[in-house]
Amino acid sequence: MTLRVEVGKKGYIIIPKDIRDLLGIKEGDKLILSIRDGKIVLEPERNVDINEILKRLEGHYAKISSYAKSAKLGDLAHSSLEEEFDDFS
């Protein structure tokens, strides 16, 4: 999506509502302004809760670990490895 905006007094620009809605930008949100290849780039600043990430990783690790502990010799004896890996091709 490309829109034309006008620079106002003191260098202000207004981010159109459609773009704010699309990106979930609300009043008071922080944006990151950078220059890339001679262009102005505005990106929403996303606050990451490291504790939430760690909690999710621990949950995934526990799930993966349970698979490794429950596997027994011969579990794949009657399985086709080609069928197992069909989803990856």
C-alpha atoms as a PDB file:
ATOM      1  CA  MET A   1       0.000   0.000   0.000  1.00  0.00           C
ATOM      2  CA  THR A   2       1.409   3.372  -0.972  1.00  0.00           C
ATOM      3  CA  LEU A   3      -0.134   6.685   0.020  1.00  0.00           C
ATOM      4  CA  ARG A   4       0.981  10.269  -0.362  1.00  0.00           C
ATOM      5  CA  VAL A   5       1.185  12.398   2.792  1.00  0.00           C
ATOM      6  CA  GLU A   6       2.105  16.039   3.249  1.00  0.00           C
ATOM      7  CA  VAL A   7       4.722  17.326   5.655  1.00  0.00           C
ATOM      8  CA  GLY A   8       3.194  19.982   7.896  1.00  0.00           C
ATOM      9  CA  LYS A   9       4.623  22.623  10.202  1.00  0.00           C
ATOM     10  CA  LYS A  10       7.529  21.434  12.314  1.00  0.00           C
ATOM     11  CA  GLY A  11       7.930  18.380  10.043  1.00  0.00           C
ATOM     12  CA  TYR A  12       4.793  16.600  11.224  1.00  0.00           C
ATOM     13  CA  ILE A  13       3.127  13.980   9.043  1.00  0.00           C
ATOM     14  CA  ILE A  14      -0.147  12.202   9.670  1.00  0.00           C
ATOM     15  CA  ILE A  15      -0.191   8.430   9.298  1.00  0.00           C
ATOM     16  CA  PRO A  16      -3.506   7.648   7.580  1.00  0.00           C
ATOM     17  CA  LYS A  17      -6.054   5.704   9.644  1.00  0.00           C
ATOM     18  CA  ASP A  18      -6.077   2.762   7.198  1.00  0.00           C
ATOM     19  CA  ILE A  19      -2.350   2.244   7.725  1.00  0.00           C
ATOM     20  CA  ARG A  20      -2.591   2.713  11.509  1.00  0.00           C
ATOM     21  CA  ASP A  21      -5.377   0.137  11.630  1.00  0.00           C
ATOM     22  CA  LEU A  22      -3.494  -2.271   9.376  1.00  0.00           C
ATOM     23  CA  LEU A  23      -0.416  -2.141  11.606  1.00  0.00           C
ATOM     24  CA  GLY A  24      -2.266  -1.876  14.918  1.00  0.00           C
ATOM     25  CA  ILE A  25      -0.765   1.534  15.707  1.00  0.00           C
ATOM     26  CA  LYS A  26      -2.616   3.440  18.422  1.00  0.00           C
ATOM     27  CA  GLU A  27      -2.210   6.880  19.974  1.00  0.00           C
ATOM     28  CA  GLY A  28       0.823   6.890  22.258  1.00  0.00           C
ATOM     29  CA  ASP A  29       2.550   3.946  20.536  1.00  0.00           C
ATOM     30  CA  LYS A  30       6.270   4.315  19.882  1.00  0.00           C
ATOM     31  CA  LEU A  31       7.618   4.050  16.337  1.00  0.00           C
ATOM     32  CA  ILE A  32      11.134   3.388  15.096  1.00  0.00           C
ATOM     33  CA  LEU A  33      12.236   5.818  12.361  1.00  0.00           C
ATOM     34  CA  SER A  34      15.188   4.827  10.208  1.00  0.00           C
ATOM     35  CA  ILE A  35      16.643   5.640   6.813  1.00  0.00           C
ATOM     36  CA  ARG A  36      17.267   2.730   4.444  1.00  0.00           C
ATOM     37  CA  ASP A  37      18.477   3.155   0.885  1.00  0.00           C
ATOM     38  CA  GLY A  38      17.571   6.836   0.966  1.00  0.00           C
ATOM     39  CA  LYS A  39      14.011   6.161   2.174  1.00  0.00           C
ATOM     40  CA  ILE A  40      12.312   6.980   5.471  1.00  0.00           C
ATOM     41  CA  VAL A  41      11.088   3.816   7.180  1.00  0.00           C
ATOM     42  CA  LEU A  42       8.654   3.895  10.118  1.00  0.00           C
ATOM     43  CA  GLU A  43       8.076   0.673  12.040  1.00  0.00           C
ATOM     44  CA  PRO A  44       5.991   0.012  15.134  1.00  0.00           C
ATOM     45  CA  GLU A  45       8.131  -0.658  18.185  1.00  0.00           C
ATOM     46  CA  ARG A  46       7.154  -4.046  19.548  1.00  0.00           C
ATOM     47  CA  ASN A  47       7.749  -4.608  23.218  1.00  0.00           C
ATOM     48  CA  VAL A  48       8.816  -8.165  23.836  1.00  0.00           C
ATOM     49  CA  ASP A  49       8.187  -9.759  27.206  1.00  0.00           C
ATOM     50  CA  ILE A  50      11.222 -11.996  27.702  1.00  0.00           C
ATOM     51  CA  ASN A  51       9.469 -13.901  30.493  1.00  0.00           C
ATOM     52  CA  GLU A  52       6.580 -14.771  28.157  1.00  0.00           C
ATOM     53  CA  ILE A  53       9.041 -15.995  25.534  1.00  0.00           C
ATOM     54  CA  LEU A  54      10.891 -18.110  28.097  1.00  0.00           C
ATOM     55  CA  LYS A  55       7.625 -19.595  29.347  1.00  0.00           C
ATOM     56  CA  ARG A  56       6.649 -20.580  25.799  1.00  0.00           C
ATOM     57  CA  LEU A  57      10.083 -22.053  25.099  1.00  0.00           C
ATOM     58  CA  GLU A  58       9.916 -24.102  28.294  1.00  0.00           C
ATOM     59  CA  GLY A  59       6.520 -25.439  27.210  1.00  0.00           C
ATOM     60  CA  HIS A  60       7.859 -26.413  23.791  1.00  0.00           C
ATOM     61  CA  TYR A  61      10.939 -27.993  25.345  1.00  0.00           C
ATOM     62  CA  ALA A  62       8.796 -30.051  27.735  1.00  0.00           C
ATOM     63  CA  LYS A  63       6.635 -31.246  24.852  1.00  0.00           C
ATOM     64  CA  ILE A  64       9.623 -32.172  22.694  1.00  0.00           C
ATOM     65  CA  SER A  65      11.361 -33.870  25.622  1.00  0.00           C
ATOM     66  CA  SER A  66       8.300 -36.029  26.270  1.00  0.00           C
ATOM     67  CA  TYR A  67       8.458 -37.301  22.689  1.00  0.00           C
ATOM     68  CA  ALA A  68      12.085 -38.282  23.068  1.00  0.00           C
ATOM     69  CA  LYS A  69      11.446 -40.120  26.355  1.00  0.00           C
ATOM     70  CA  SER A  70       8.419 -42.015  25.072  1.00  0.00           C
ATOM     71  CA  ALA A  71      10.033 -43.330  21.870  1.00  0.00           C
ATOM     72  CA  LYS A  72      10.932 -47.021  21.993  1.00  0.00           C
ATOM     73  CA  LEU A  73      12.972 -49.252  19.746  1.00  0.00           C
ATOM     74  CA  GLY A  74      10.736 -50.553  16.967  1.00  0.00           C
ATOM     75  CA  ASP A  75       8.170 -47.742  17.133  1.00  0.00           C
ATOM     76  CA  LEU A  76       8.742 -47.024  13.450  1.00  0.00           C
ATOM     77  CA  ALA A  77       8.977 -50.674  12.388  1.00  0.00           C
ATOM     78  CA  HIS A  78       5.648 -50.584  10.556  1.00  0.00           C
ATOM     79  CA  SER A  79       5.881 -46.973   9.372  1.00  0.00           C
ATOM     80  CA  SER A  80       6.982 -45.723   6.012  1.00  0.00           C
ATOM     81  CA  LEU A  81       9.606 -43.008   6.335  1.00  0.00           C
ATOM     82  CA  GLU A  82       8.481 -41.650   2.971  1.00  0.00           C
ATOM     83  CA  GLU A  83       5.006 -41.062   4.442  1.00  0.00           C
ATOM     84  CA  GLU A  84       6.540 -39.481   7.541  1.00  0.00           C
ATOM     85  CA  PHE A  85       8.404 -36.914   5.442  1.00  0.00           C
ATOM     86  CA  ASP A  86       5.730 -36.235   2.777  1.00  0.00           C
ATOM     87  CA  ASP A  87       4.804 -33.007   4.547  1.00  0.00           C
ATOM     88  CA  PHE A  88       8.302 -31.621   4.043  1.00  0.00           C
ATOM     89  CA  SER A  89       8.389 -31.874   0.254  1.00  0.00           C
END
